[in-house]
Amino acid sequence: MHLGTFFVIGSIEAAQPVFWVVMGVALMIISWRLSRKSSVATRRVLVAGSMLLGIGYAIVLPLPATNLLPARGEAGAEWAIPLWRASKLVTMNAGWLLLGIGIAFHAKLLSLPRFSPRAVSPPLPP
C-alpha cells in the first residue's frame, strides 16, 4: 500500500461525510430513547426533529462528497446546486427547531395546553 493513499483516506475531507452519517444516526437513536418516556405530542415533535436532522446529516450534507451533484459550469448545475442548498436549509433548520421544541417539552420548559371536554348538562325537562 502506498503511503499517500493512507493520507487521502484518513484526511478530514474523506472522514467528514462518515462523521455526518454517524451524527445523524446518533441523533435519531438518542431522541428515540429520550421520547420513550414522553407524552405523545412531545414524542412526535422529538422524533420529527430527529428524523429531519438524520436525513439532513446522513443524506443531504454528504451528497456533494458522492459527486452526484454536478459541478459548477456543468449541465444541470444551475438548478441542482440551489435545490441542494434549499433542501439543506429546510431539513437542518426545521430539524433543529423541532428537536429543540421537543426537548423543551420533555424538560417541561414549555407545555402544551390541556384540553378537557366540558361537561354538558342534561337538558331541563319541560
Protein backbone atom coordinates (compact mmCIF):
# COMPACT_ATOMS: atom_id res chain seq x y z
CA MET A 1 0.00 0.00 0.00
CA HIS A 2 1.28 3.40 -0.93
CA LEU A 3 1.65 5.83 1.97
CA GLY A 4 -0.02 8.66 0.03
CA THR A 5 -3.24 6.65 -0.22
CA PHE A 6 -3.43 6.38 3.57
CA PHE A 7 -3.30 10.14 3.97
CA VAL A 8 -6.06 10.60 1.41
CA ILE A 9 -8.31 8.04 3.13
CA GLY A 10 -7.55 9.38 6.60
CA SER A 11 -7.92 13.02 5.64
CA ILE A 12 -10.57 15.26 7.12
CA GLU A 13 -12.26 15.64 3.73
CA ALA A 14 -12.71 11.87 3.50
CA ALA A 15 -13.84 11.40 7.10
CA GLN A 16 -16.31 14.29 7.17
CA PRO A 17 -19.19 12.52 5.33
CA VAL A 18 -18.77 9.50 7.58
CA PHE A 19 -18.98 11.74 10.64
CA TRP A 20 -22.18 13.31 9.30
CA VAL A 21 -23.80 9.92 8.78
CA VAL A 22 -22.81 8.76 12.28
CA MET A 23 -24.06 12.02 13.79
CA GLY A 24 -27.43 11.74 12.01
CA VAL A 25 -27.95 8.17 13.17
CA ALA A 26 -26.83 9.02 16.73
CA LEU A 27 -29.28 11.94 16.92
CA MET A 28 -32.12 9.69 15.81
CA ILE A 29 -31.23 6.99 18.36
CA ILE A 30 -30.79 9.44 21.25
CA SER A 31 -34.06 11.25 20.61
CA TRP A 32 -35.91 7.96 20.12
CA ARG A 33 -34.65 6.77 23.51
CA LEU A 34 -35.50 10.13 25.07
CA SER A 35 -39.01 10.11 23.67
CA ARG A 36 -39.93 6.72 25.11
CA LYS A 37 -40.90 8.31 28.43
CA SER A 38 -42.59 11.39 27.00
CA SER A 39 -46.15 12.23 26.14
CA VAL A 40 -47.49 11.54 22.66
CA ALA A 41 -47.20 15.12 21.39
CA THR A 42 -43.68 15.50 22.77
CA ARG A 43 -42.69 12.19 21.24
CA ARG A 44 -43.96 13.24 17.83
CA VAL A 45 -42.10 16.56 17.90
CA LEU A 46 -38.86 14.93 19.08
CA VAL A 47 -38.96 12.16 16.51
CA ALA A 48 -39.92 14.54 13.69
CA GLY A 49 -36.98 16.81 14.52
CA SER A 50 -34.54 13.95 14.79
CA MET A 51 -35.75 12.40 11.55
CA LEU A 52 -35.26 15.69 9.72
CA LEU A 53 -31.79 16.03 11.22
CA GLY A 54 -31.00 12.41 10.44
CA ILE A 55 -31.97 12.93 6.80
CA GLY A 56 -30.04 16.19 6.71
CA TYR A 57 -26.87 14.79 8.25
CA ALA A 58 -26.93 11.32 6.68
CA ILE A 59 -28.19 12.12 3.17
CA VAL A 60 -28.26 15.81 2.29
CA LEU A 61 -24.94 17.03 3.70
CA PRO A 62 -22.74 14.21 2.31
CA LEU A 63 -24.35 14.48 -1.14
CA PRO A 64 -21.62 16.71 -2.68
CA ALA A 65 -18.93 14.27 -1.48
CA THR A 66 -20.56 11.50 -3.53
CA ASN A 67 -20.12 13.52 -6.73
CA LEU A 68 -23.82 13.11 -7.54
CA LEU A 69 -24.26 16.87 -7.78
CA PRO A 70 -22.95 18.44 -10.99
CA ALA A 71 -20.02 20.81 -10.57
CA ARG A 72 -20.41 24.50 -11.34
CA GLY A 73 -20.43 25.08 -15.04
CA GLU A 74 -21.76 21.61 -15.91
CA ALA A 75 -25.18 20.96 -17.34
CA GLY A 76 -27.85 20.94 -14.65
CA ALA A 77 -25.78 22.78 -12.06
CA GLU A 78 -27.89 25.93 -12.32
CA TRP A 79 -30.85 24.12 -10.71
CA ALA A 80 -29.18 21.25 -8.82
CA ILE A 81 -26.96 23.32 -6.55
CA PRO A 82 -29.70 25.77 -5.43
CA LEU A 83 -32.08 22.85 -4.90
CA TRP A 84 -29.47 21.09 -2.74
CA ARG A 85 -28.88 24.27 -0.73
CA ALA A 86 -32.61 24.80 -0.22
CA SER A 87 -33.14 21.20 0.90
CA LYS A 88 -30.17 21.51 3.26
CA LEU A 89 -31.59 24.74 4.67
CA VAL A 90 -35.06 23.30 5.23
CA THR A 91 -34.06 19.94 6.69
CA MET A 92 -31.38 21.23 9.03
CA ASN A 93 -33.17 24.33 10.32
CA ALA A 94 -36.56 22.68 10.71
CA GLY A 95 -34.92 19.65 12.31
CA TRP A 96 -33.06 21.67 14.93
CA LEU A 97 -36.17 23.77 15.60
CA LEU A 98 -38.41 20.74 16.15
CA LEU A 99 -35.78 18.91 18.19
CA GLY A 100 -35.28 21.96 20.42
CA ILE A 101 -39.01 22.40 20.95
CA GLY A 102 -39.34 18.68 21.68
CA ILE A 103 -36.55 18.80 24.26
CA ALA A 104 -38.19 21.86 25.85
CA PHE A 105 -41.50 19.95 26.05
CA HIS A 106 -39.70 16.94 27.53
CA ALA A 107 -37.93 19.09 30.15
CA LYS A 108 -41.26 20.80 30.97
CA LEU A 109 -39.90 24.21 29.98
CA LEU A 110 -42.79 24.53 27.54
CA SER A 111 -46.15 22.93 27.95
CA LEU A 112 -48.95 22.10 25.62
CA PRO A 113 -52.38 23.41 26.62
CA ARG A 114 -54.55 20.72 28.13
CA PHE A 115 -57.93 20.44 26.53
CA SER A 116 -60.53 18.87 28.72
CA PRO A 117 -64.02 18.29 27.42
CA ARG A 118 -66.62 20.43 29.10
CA ALA A 119 -69.33 18.66 30.97
CA VAL A 120 -72.60 19.01 29.15
CA SER A 121 -75.55 19.44 31.46
CA PRO A 122 -78.58 17.34 30.63
CA PRO A 123 -81.50 19.23 29.10
CA LEU A 124 -84.05 20.57 31.52
CA PRO A 125 -87.44 18.87 31.47
CA PRO A 126 -90.29 20.98 30.04
